[in-house]
Amino acid sequence: MSYRLNILLFNECKNFFIQETRRYAGHSKWQNIKATKQSQDTAKSIIFNSLASKIKKVVVESGNADPDTNSKLAGLITQAKKINMPATTLKAILDRIQNVQSNDFNSQTEIVTIRTSTGITLIIYIASNSLAEAKPLLNNLVKKARAKTADVSVLSMFDCASYVTASRDCNLDQAMENAIEINAQDVEEVKHDDKTCFMFKSEFLFPEKAATQLTNLGYTILSIDNKCVPITVIEVSEEELENINKFKHKLQSCINGVIKIEDNIAPP
């Protein structure tokens, strides 16, 4: 009797441990699947948001939200479809751009500088007419990310300028003379949609004056871009890069009027 009881107890304990092991294994498998899915969703979200920013940037620079006449925009839309961006997401992006397009084009661009906890500098370009409304949310997101808004003096670590790309039936020598005439910092010959044109380097965040002067000289303005190129770059780990990309994603997806975000992270 005692022997049978011991066998019975042993079998019950064995079954209990087997069930618990299976349950733990199932739970562990579920946790792994869940973590993998979350990682994939985050990566996909970052890719989609990056593409959305490129779409908005192309529209803002060209002033043309029609993919039938804007080849760069059409190319980005094709790219979005290739990476299986949902049609509803793509439509929402285009609708949002259409809604804010006129306001963004009629306002100047301002910047907000941020230092992350790892010492990376982020430069946020935002439409002036959106800045006042965006500041409370921006400050909240910065605080949650354990980052800080920085003084604009951090721009000394970047080569900042506005670039006006324009076309005209002339050579580089003539373009150089025109660059001197409008007090541009530099000019170079570039390709735009397989056509030769000229990119004039002008005062940062104030390209309108140069664009107006170039128009008066017979140039056709193709694009305007404010740009900060880091003089020195900072290496970050994969984990740090992922956290910064998530933060940038939050800023771009939550704050209306953000045009783009630049940084001084070393390329991979």
C-alpha atoms as a PDB file:
ATOM      1  CA  MET A   1       0.000   0.000   0.000  1.00  0.00           C
ATOM      2  CA  SER A   2       2.786   2.372   0.954  1.00  0.00           C
ATOM      3  CA  TYR A   3       4.644   1.411  -2.226  1.00  0.00           C
ATOM      4  CA  ARG A   4       1.598   2.105  -4.401  1.00  0.00           C
ATOM      5  CA  LEU A   5       1.015   5.413  -2.650  1.00  0.00           C
ATOM      6  CA  ASN A   6       4.599   6.451  -3.281  1.00  0.00           C
ATOM      7  CA  ILE A   7       4.261   5.499  -6.964  1.00  0.00           C
ATOM      8  CA  LEU A   8       1.022   7.485  -7.206  1.00  0.00           C
ATOM      9  CA  LEU A   9       2.588  10.528  -5.582  1.00  0.00           C
ATOM     10  CA  PHE A  10       5.635  10.195  -7.822  1.00  0.00           C
ATOM     11  CA  ASN A  11       3.482  10.066 -10.965  1.00  0.00           C
ATOM     12  CA  GLU A  12       1.449  13.074  -9.850  1.00  0.00           C
ATOM     13  CA  CYS A  13       4.593  15.073  -9.159  1.00  0.00           C
ATOM     14  CA  LYS A  14       6.069  13.981 -12.493  1.00  0.00           C
ATOM     15  CA  ASN A  15       2.928  15.025 -14.356  1.00  0.00           C
ATOM     16  CA  PHE A  16       2.899  18.343 -12.536  1.00  0.00           C
ATOM     17  CA  PHE A  17       6.508  19.091 -13.488  1.00  0.00           C
ATOM     18  CA  ILE A  18       5.894  18.023 -17.109  1.00  0.00           C
ATOM     19  CA  GLN A  19       2.838  20.261 -17.342  1.00  0.00           C
ATOM     20  CA  GLU A  20       4.684  23.186 -15.757  1.00  0.00           C
ATOM     21  CA  THR A  21       7.659  22.663 -18.065  1.00  0.00           C
ATOM     22  CA  ARG A  22       5.375  22.610 -21.079  1.00  0.00           C
ATOM     23  CA  ARG A  23       3.501  25.639 -19.815  1.00  0.00           C
ATOM     24  CA  TYR A  24       6.766  27.524 -19.253  1.00  0.00           C
ATOM     25  CA  ALA A  25       8.076  26.449 -22.643  1.00  0.00           C
ATOM     26  CA  GLY A  26       4.851  27.622 -24.252  1.00  0.00           C
ATOM     27  CA  HIS A  27       5.010  30.906 -22.367  1.00  0.00           C
ATOM     28  CA  SER A  28       8.674  31.383 -23.307  1.00  0.00           C
ATOM     29  CA  LYS A  29       7.874  30.646 -26.958  1.00  0.00           C
ATOM     30  CA  TRP A  30       5.015  33.142 -26.857  1.00  0.00           C
ATOM     31  CA  GLN A  31       7.288  35.761 -25.289  1.00  0.00           C
ATOM     32  CA  ASN A  32       9.887  35.195 -28.021  1.00  0.00           C
ATOM     33  CA  ILE A  33       7.273  35.463 -30.771  1.00  0.00           C
ATOM     34  CA  LYS A  34       5.826  38.580 -29.169  1.00  0.00           C
ATOM     35  CA  ALA A  35       9.268  40.203 -28.801  1.00  0.00           C
ATOM     36  CA  THR A  36      10.155  39.371 -32.410  1.00  0.00           C
ATOM     37  CA  LYS A  37       6.857  40.790 -33.672  1.00  0.00           C
ATOM     38  CA  GLN A  38       7.278  43.971 -31.621  1.00  0.00           C
ATOM     39  CA  SER A  39      10.812  44.390 -32.982  1.00  0.00           C
ATOM     40  CA  GLN A  40       9.592  43.852 -36.552  1.00  0.00           C
ATOM     41  CA  ASP A  41       6.682  46.261 -36.052  1.00  0.00           C
ATOM     42  CA  THR A  42       9.027  48.918 -34.666  1.00  0.00           C
ATOM     43  CA  ALA A  43      11.458  48.490 -37.565  1.00  0.00           C
ATOM     44  CA  LYS A  44       8.603  48.632 -40.077  1.00  0.00           C
ATOM     45  CA  SER A  45       7.173  51.719 -38.398  1.00  0.00           C
ATOM     46  CA  ILE A  46      10.555  53.491 -38.566  1.00  0.00           C
ATOM     47  CA  ILE A  47      10.897  52.631 -42.271  1.00  0.00           C
ATOM     48  CA  PHE A  48       7.375  53.853 -43.033  1.00  0.00           C
ATOM     49  CA  ASN A  49       7.927  57.056 -41.085  1.00  0.00           C
ATOM     50  CA  SER A  50      11.260  57.700 -42.792  1.00  0.00           C
ATOM     51  CA  LEU A  51       9.573  57.313 -46.168  1.00  0.00           C
ATOM     52  CA  ALA A  52       6.734  59.610 -45.076  1.00  0.00           C
ATOM     53  CA  SER A  53       9.304  62.272 -44.151  1.00  0.00           C
ATOM     54  CA  LYS A  54      10.973  61.915 -47.560  1.00  0.00           C
ATOM     55  CA  ILE A  55       7.600  62.286 -49.285  1.00  0.00           C
ATOM     56  CA  LYS A  56       6.823  65.435 -47.323  1.00  0.00           C
ATOM     57  CA  LYS A  57      10.310  66.837 -47.941  1.00  0.00           C
ATOM     58  CA  VAL A  58       9.981  66.338 -51.712  1.00  0.00           C
ATOM     59  CA  VAL A  59       6.585  68.049 -51.735  1.00  0.00           C
ATOM     60  CA  VAL A  60       7.778  70.938 -49.563  1.00  0.00           C
ATOM     61  CA  GLU A  61      10.896  71.495 -51.677  1.00  0.00           C
ATOM     62  CA  SER A  62       9.139  71.324 -55.031  1.00  0.00           C
ATOM     63  CA  GLY A  63       5.775  72.820 -54.088  1.00  0.00           C
ATOM     64  CA  ASN A  64       4.185  70.039 -56.129  1.00  0.00           C
ATOM     65  CA  ALA A  65       2.058  67.325 -54.508  1.00  0.00           C
ATOM     66  CA  ASP A  66       0.969  65.773 -57.807  1.00  0.00           C
ATOM     67  CA  PRO A  67       2.831  62.494 -58.520  1.00  0.00           C
ATOM     68  CA  ASP A  68       1.844  62.743 -62.194  1.00  0.00           C
ATOM     69  CA  THR A  69       4.083  65.795 -62.606  1.00  0.00           C
ATOM     70  CA  ASN A  70       6.513  65.239 -59.698  1.00  0.00           C
ATOM     71  CA  SER A  71       8.802  62.345 -60.657  1.00  0.00           C
ATOM     72  CA  LYS A  72      10.539  62.197 -57.259  1.00  0.00           C
ATOM     73  CA  LEU A  73       7.199  61.955 -55.457  1.00  0.00           C
ATOM     74  CA  ALA A  74       6.035  59.268 -57.883  1.00  0.00           C
ATOM     75  CA  GLY A  75       9.235  57.319 -57.209  1.00  0.00           C
ATOM     76  CA  LEU A  76       8.710  57.452 -53.440  1.00  0.00           C
ATOM     77  CA  ILE A  77       5.093  56.321 -53.796  1.00  0.00           C
ATOM     78  CA  THR A  78       6.286  53.360 -55.888  1.00  0.00           C
ATOM     79  CA  GLN A  79       8.867  52.589 -53.202  1.00  0.00           C
ATOM     80  CA  ALA A  80       6.145  52.699 -50.522  1.00  0.00           C
ATOM     81  CA  LYS A  81       4.095  50.159 -52.448  1.00  0.00           C
ATOM     82  CA  LYS A  82       7.118  47.887 -52.919  1.00  0.00           C
ATOM     83  CA  ILE A  83       7.695  47.667 -49.154  1.00  0.00           C
ATOM     84  CA  ASN A  84       3.990  46.876 -48.660  1.00  0.00           C
ATOM     85  CA  MET A  85       2.997  50.109 -46.985  1.00  0.00           C
ATOM     86  CA  PRO A  86      -0.785  49.806 -46.455  1.00  0.00           C
ATOM     87  CA  ALA A  87      -2.808  51.829 -48.960  1.00  0.00           C
ATOM     88  CA  THR A  88      -4.657  53.526 -46.094  1.00  0.00           C
ATOM     89  CA  THR A  89      -1.356  54.624 -44.523  1.00  0.00           C
ATOM     90  CA  LEU A  90      -0.060  56.021 -47.815  1.00  0.00           C
ATOM     91  CA  LYS A  91      -3.351  57.834 -48.444  1.00  0.00           C
ATOM     92  CA  ALA A  92      -3.265  59.323 -44.924  1.00  0.00           C
ATOM     93  CA  ILE A  93       0.276  60.607 -45.527  1.00  0.00           C
ATOM     94  CA  LEU A  94      -0.680  62.234 -48.833  1.00  0.00           C
ATOM     95  CA  ASP A  95      -3.897  63.684 -47.376  1.00  0.00           C
ATOM     96  CA  ARG A  96      -2.001  65.144 -44.429  1.00  0.00           C
ATOM     97  CA  ILE A  97       0.526  66.764 -46.754  1.00  0.00           C
ATOM     98  CA  GLN A  98      -2.289  68.226 -48.843  1.00  0.00           C
ATOM     99  CA  ASN A  99      -3.922  69.663 -45.711  1.00  0.00           C
ATOM    100  CA  VAL A 100      -0.809  71.416 -44.408  1.00  0.00           C
ATOM    101  CA  GLN A 101       0.840  72.089 -47.755  1.00  0.00           C
ATOM    102  CA  SER A 102      -0.308  75.670 -48.282  1.00  0.00           C
ATOM    103  CA  ASN A 103       0.456  76.642 -44.676  1.00  0.00           C
ATOM    104  CA  ASP A 104       3.941  75.134 -44.796  1.00  0.00           C
ATOM    105  CA  PHE A 105       4.789  76.818 -48.094  1.00  0.00           C
ATOM    106  CA  ASN A 106       3.655  80.192 -46.821  1.00  0.00           C
ATOM    107  CA  SER A 107       5.682  80.032 -43.633  1.00  0.00           C
ATOM    108  CA  GLN A 108       9.369  80.069 -42.906  1.00  0.00           C
ATOM    109  CA  THR A 109      11.246  77.137 -41.469  1.00  0.00           C
ATOM    110  CA  GLU A 110      12.497  77.225 -37.887  1.00  0.00           C
ATOM    111  CA  ILE A 111      14.764  74.803 -36.093  1.00  0.00           C
ATOM    112  CA  VAL A 112      14.805  73.284 -32.626  1.00  0.00           C
ATOM    113  CA  THR A 113      18.066  71.771 -31.375  1.00  0.00           C
ATOM    114  CA  ILE A 114      18.078  68.834 -28.967  1.00  0.00           C
ATOM    115  CA  ARG A 115      20.860  66.964 -27.154  1.00  0.00           C
ATOM    116  CA  THR A 116      20.178  63.331 -26.308  1.00  0.00           C
ATOM    117  CA  SER A 117      21.445  61.642 -23.154  1.00  0.00           C
ATOM    118  CA  THR A 118      24.236  60.092 -25.256  1.00  0.00           C
ATOM    119  CA  GLY A 119      25.437  63.489 -26.531  1.00  0.00           C
ATOM    120  CA  ILE A 120      23.924  63.308 -30.008  1.00  0.00           C
ATOM    121  CA  THR A 121      22.614  66.582 -31.444  1.00  0.00           C
ATOM    122  CA  LEU A 122      19.285  66.511 -33.266  1.00  0.00           C
ATOM    123  CA  ILE A 123      18.206  69.406 -35.481  1.00  0.00           C
ATOM    124  CA  ILE A 124      14.442  69.503 -35.995  1.00  0.00           C
ATOM    125  CA  TYR A 125      13.152  71.541 -38.925  1.00  0.00           C
ATOM    126  CA  ILE A 126       9.591  72.695 -38.343  1.00  0.00           C
ATOM    127  CA  ALA A 127       7.257  75.099 -40.127  1.00  0.00           C
ATOM    128  CA  SER A 128       7.083  78.412 -38.256  1.00  0.00           C
ATOM    129  CA  ASN A 129       3.299  78.424 -38.151  1.00  0.00           C
ATOM    130  CA  SER A 130       3.347  75.054 -36.359  1.00  0.00           C
ATOM    131  CA  LEU A 131       6.041  75.830 -33.784  1.00  0.00           C
ATOM    132  CA  ALA A 132       3.942  77.528 -31.087  1.00  0.00           C
ATOM    133  CA  GLU A 133       1.373  74.744 -31.132  1.00  0.00           C
ATOM    134  CA  ALA A 134       4.051  72.048 -31.166  1.00  0.00           C
ATOM    135  CA  LYS A 135       6.227  73.318 -28.298  1.00  0.00           C
ATOM    136  CA  PRO A 136       4.288  71.803 -25.336  1.00  0.00           C
ATOM    137  CA  LEU A 137       4.175  68.366 -26.975  1.00  0.00           C
ATOM    138  CA  LEU A 138       7.789  68.700 -28.089  1.00  0.00           C
ATOM    139  CA  ASN A 139       8.955  69.519 -24.563  1.00  0.00           C
ATOM    140  CA  ASN A 140       7.006  66.544 -23.211  1.00  0.00           C
ATOM    141  CA  LEU A 141       8.550  64.122 -25.714  1.00  0.00           C
ATOM    142  CA  VAL A 142      12.032  65.500 -25.031  1.00  0.00           C
ATOM    143  CA  LYS A 143      11.557  65.019 -21.289  1.00  0.00           C
ATOM    144  CA  LYS A 144      10.309  61.444 -21.708  1.00  0.00           C
ATOM    145  CA  ALA A 145      13.352  60.626 -23.832  1.00  0.00           C
ATOM    146  CA  ARG A 146      15.659  62.038 -21.124  1.00  0.00           C
ATOM    147  CA  ALA A 147      16.969  64.529 -23.652  1.00  0.00           C
ATOM    148  CA  LYS A 148      17.278  68.325 -23.420  1.00  0.00           C
ATOM    149  CA  THR A 149      16.648  71.248 -25.713  1.00  0.00           C
ATOM    150  CA  ALA A 150      19.975  72.833 -26.602  1.00  0.00           C
ATOM    151  CA  ASP A 151      21.139  76.336 -27.405  1.00  0.00           C
ATOM    152  CA  VAL A 152      21.519  77.118 -31.107  1.00  0.00           C
ATOM    153  CA  SER A 153      25.255  77.497 -30.457  1.00  0.00           C
ATOM    154  CA  VAL A 154      25.464  73.730 -31.080  1.00  0.00           C
ATOM    155  CA  LEU A 155      25.081  74.599 -34.766  1.00  0.00           C
ATOM    156  CA  SER A 156      28.770  75.552 -34.693  1.00  0.00           C
ATOM    157  CA  MET A 157      29.397  71.799 -34.913  1.00  0.00           C
ATOM    158  CA  PHE A 158      27.677  71.748 -38.315  1.00  0.00           C
ATOM    159  CA  ASP A 159      28.141  73.383 -41.696  1.00  0.00           C
ATOM    160  CA  CYS A 160      24.684  74.922 -42.071  1.00  0.00           C
ATOM    161  CA  ALA A 161      23.398  76.529 -45.248  1.00  0.00           C
ATOM    162  CA  SER A 162      20.390  76.795 -47.528  1.00  0.00           C
ATOM    163  CA  TYR A 163      20.715  75.388 -51.028  1.00  0.00           C
ATOM    164  CA  VAL A 164      18.729  76.712 -53.968  1.00  0.00           C
ATOM    165  CA  THR A 165      18.802  74.461 -57.014  1.00  0.00           C
ATOM    166  CA  ALA A 166      17.895  76.292 -60.213  1.00  0.00           C
ATOM    167  CA  SER A 167      18.133  75.883 -63.963  1.00  0.00           C
ATOM    168  CA  ARG A 168      19.022  78.312 -66.726  1.00  0.00           C
ATOM    169  CA  ASP A 169      20.476  78.051 -70.209  1.00  0.00           C
ATOM    170  CA  CYS A 170      24.006  79.124 -69.226  1.00  0.00           C
ATOM    171  CA  ASN A 171      27.375  77.669 -68.245  1.00  0.00           C
ATOM    172  CA  LEU A 172      29.065  77.414 -64.841  1.00  0.00           C
ATOM    173  CA  ASP A 173      31.096  80.594 -65.383  1.00  0.00           C
ATOM    174  CA  GLN A 174      27.892  82.593 -65.861  1.00  0.00           C
ATOM    175  CA  ALA A 175      26.353  80.916 -62.818  1.00  0.00           C
ATOM    176  CA  MET A 176      29.415  81.918 -60.765  1.00  0.00           C
ATOM    177  CA  GLU A 177      28.984  85.537 -61.819  1.00  0.00           C
ATOM    178  CA  ASN A 178      25.333  85.363 -60.804  1.00  0.00           C
ATOM    179  CA  ALA A 179      26.297  83.771 -57.469  1.00  0.00           C
ATOM    180  CA  ILE A 180      28.597  86.717 -56.732  1.00  0.00           C
ATOM    181  CA  GLU A 181      25.843  89.104 -57.789  1.00  0.00           C
ATOM    182  CA  ILE A 182      23.336  87.686 -55.290  1.00  0.00           C
ATOM    183  CA  ASN A 183      25.953  87.250 -52.514  1.00  0.00           C
ATOM    184  CA  ALA A 184      25.702  83.462 -52.543  1.00  0.00           C
ATOM    185  CA  GLN A 185      28.379  81.585 -50.604  1.00  0.00           C
ATOM    186  CA  ASP A 186      29.092  79.141 -53.425  1.00  0.00           C
ATOM    187  CA  VAL A 187      27.644  77.510 -56.539  1.00  0.00           C
ATOM    188  CA  GLU A 188      28.202  74.157 -58.181  1.00  0.00           C
ATOM    189  CA  GLU A 189      26.955  72.343 -61.237  1.00  0.00           C
ATOM    190  CA  VAL A 190      24.664  69.414 -60.388  1.00  0.00           C
ATOM    191  CA  LYS A 191      22.237  67.021 -62.043  1.00  0.00           C
ATOM    192  CA  HIS A 192      18.508  67.334 -61.405  1.00  0.00           C
ATOM    193  CA  ASP A 193      16.242  64.781 -63.119  1.00  0.00           C
ATOM    194  CA  ASP A 194      19.133  64.061 -65.514  1.00  0.00           C
ATOM    195  CA  LYS A 195      19.387  67.726 -66.465  1.00  0.00           C
ATOM    196  CA  THR A 196      22.339  70.008 -65.755  1.00  0.00           C
ATOM    197  CA  CYS A 197      21.509  72.798 -63.335  1.00  0.00           C
ATOM    198  CA  PHE A 198      23.139  74.832 -60.565  1.00  0.00           C
ATOM    199  CA  MET A 199      22.990  74.632 -56.782  1.00  0.00           C
ATOM    200  CA  PHE A 200      23.561  77.943 -55.005  1.00  0.00           C
ATOM    201  CA  LYS A 201      24.669  77.908 -51.370  1.00  0.00           C
ATOM    202  CA  SER A 202      23.025  80.742 -49.429  1.00  0.00           C
ATOM    203  CA  GLU A 203      22.372  81.956 -45.889  1.00  0.00           C
ATOM    204  CA  PHE A 204      20.963  79.256 -43.619  1.00  0.00           C
ATOM    205  CA  LEU A 205      17.166  79.350 -43.220  1.00  0.00           C
ATOM    206  CA  PHE A 206      16.885  82.414 -45.474  1.00  0.00           C
ATOM    207  CA  PRO A 207      16.888  81.034 -49.027  1.00  0.00           C
ATOM    208  CA  GLU A 208      13.922  83.109 -50.198  1.00  0.00           C
ATOM    209  CA  LYS A 209      16.026  86.170 -50.986  1.00  0.00           C
ATOM    210  CA  ALA A 210      18.457  84.170 -53.131  1.00  0.00           C
ATOM    211  CA  ALA A 211      15.578  82.368 -54.845  1.00  0.00           C
ATOM    212  CA  THR A 212      13.865  85.662 -55.676  1.00  0.00           C
ATOM    213  CA  GLN A 213      17.081  87.174 -57.044  1.00  0.00           C
ATOM    214  CA  LEU A 214      17.780  84.090 -59.150  1.00  0.00           C
ATOM    215  CA  THR A 215      14.252  84.196 -60.543  1.00  0.00           C
ATOM    216  CA  ASN A 216      14.811  87.824 -61.518  1.00  0.00           C
ATOM    217  CA  LEU A 217      17.994  86.731 -63.321  1.00  0.00           C
ATOM    218  CA  GLY A 218      16.050  84.252 -65.430  1.00  0.00           C
ATOM    219  CA  TYR A 219      16.530  81.070 -63.414  1.00  0.00           C
ATOM    220  CA  THR A 220      13.796  78.508 -62.783  1.00  0.00           C
ATOM    221  CA  ILE A 221      13.792  77.392 -59.142  1.00  0.00           C
ATOM    222  CA  LEU A 222      13.707  73.602 -58.874  1.00  0.00           C
ATOM    223  CA  SER A 223      14.147  73.042 -55.153  1.00  0.00           C
ATOM    224  CA  ILE A 224      15.113  74.695 -51.881  1.00  0.00           C
ATOM    225  CA  ASP A 225      16.745  72.760 -49.067  1.00  0.00           C
ATOM    226  CA  ASN A 226      18.015  73.809 -45.645  1.00  0.00           C
ATOM    227  CA  LYS A 227      20.812  71.512 -44.558  1.00  0.00           C
ATOM    228  CA  CYS A 228      23.197  71.025 -41.619  1.00  0.00           C
ATOM    229  CA  VAL A 229      26.171  68.764 -42.335  1.00  0.00           C
ATOM    230  CA  PRO A 230      28.074  67.677 -39.191  1.00  0.00           C
ATOM    231  CA  ILE A 231      31.715  68.751 -39.090  1.00  0.00           C
ATOM    232  CA  THR A 232      32.497  65.803 -36.822  1.00  0.00           C
ATOM    233  CA  VAL A 233      30.347  62.743 -36.219  1.00  0.00           C
ATOM    234  CA  ILE A 234      29.759  60.579 -33.155  1.00  0.00           C
ATOM    235  CA  GLU A 235      29.806  56.776 -33.089  1.00  0.00           C
ATOM    236  CA  VAL A 236      26.868  55.116 -31.333  1.00  0.00           C
ATOM    237  CA  SER A 237      26.044  51.522 -30.483  1.00  0.00           C
ATOM    238  CA  GLU A 238      23.249  49.623 -32.232  1.00  0.00           C
ATOM    239  CA  GLU A 239      21.090  49.947 -29.115  1.00  0.00           C
ATOM    240  CA  GLU A 240      21.690  53.708 -28.902  1.00  0.00           C
ATOM    241  CA  LEU A 241      20.928  54.100 -32.606  1.00  0.00           C
ATOM    242  CA  GLU A 242      17.680  52.163 -32.227  1.00  0.00           C
ATOM    243  CA  ASN A 243      16.611  54.351 -29.281  1.00  0.00           C
ATOM    244  CA  ILE A 244      17.437  57.558 -31.179  1.00  0.00           C
ATOM    245  CA  ASN A 245      15.515  56.352 -34.236  1.00  0.00           C
ATOM    246  CA  LYS A 246      12.512  55.564 -32.039  1.00  0.00           C
ATOM    247  CA  PHE A 247      12.715  59.069 -30.558  1.00  0.00           C
ATOM    248  CA  LYS A 248      12.927  60.638 -34.021  1.00  0.00           C
ATOM    249  CA  HIS A 249       9.979  58.519 -35.094  1.00  0.00           C
ATOM    250  CA  LYS A 250       7.954  59.841 -32.148  1.00  0.00           C
ATOM    251  CA  LEU A 251       8.832  63.434 -32.996  1.00  0.00           C
ATOM    252  CA  GLN A 252       7.934  63.054 -36.669  1.00  0.00           C
ATOM    253  CA  SER A 253       4.718  61.130 -36.124  1.00  0.00           C
ATOM    254  CA  CYS A 254       3.346  63.127 -33.181  1.00  0.00           C
ATOM    255  CA  ILE A 255       4.273  66.718 -34.062  1.00  0.00           C
ATOM    256  CA  ASN A 256       2.545  68.410 -36.961  1.00  0.00           C
ATOM    257  CA  GLY A 257       4.734  70.588 -39.172  1.00  0.00           C
ATOM    258  CA  VAL A 258       8.006  68.681 -38.730  1.00  0.00           C
ATOM    259  CA  ILE A 259       9.771  68.725 -42.095  1.00  0.00           C
ATOM    260  CA  LYS A 260      12.847  66.658 -41.289  1.00  0.00           C
ATOM    261  CA  ILE A 261      15.377  65.818 -38.552  1.00  0.00           C
ATOM    262  CA  GLU A 262      19.162  65.855 -38.987  1.00  0.00           C
ATOM    263  CA  ASP A 263      21.871  64.645 -36.598  1.00  0.00           C
ATOM    264  CA  ASN A 264      25.604  64.136 -36.125  1.00  0.00           C
ATOM    265  CA  ILE A 265      25.579  60.335 -35.928  1.00  0.00           C
ATOM    266  CA  ALA A 266      28.396  58.569 -37.752  1.00  0.00           C
ATOM    267  CA  PRO A 267      27.128  56.566 -40.734  1.00  0.00           C
ATOM    268  CA  PRO A 268      27.111  52.781 -40.204  1.00  0.00           C
END
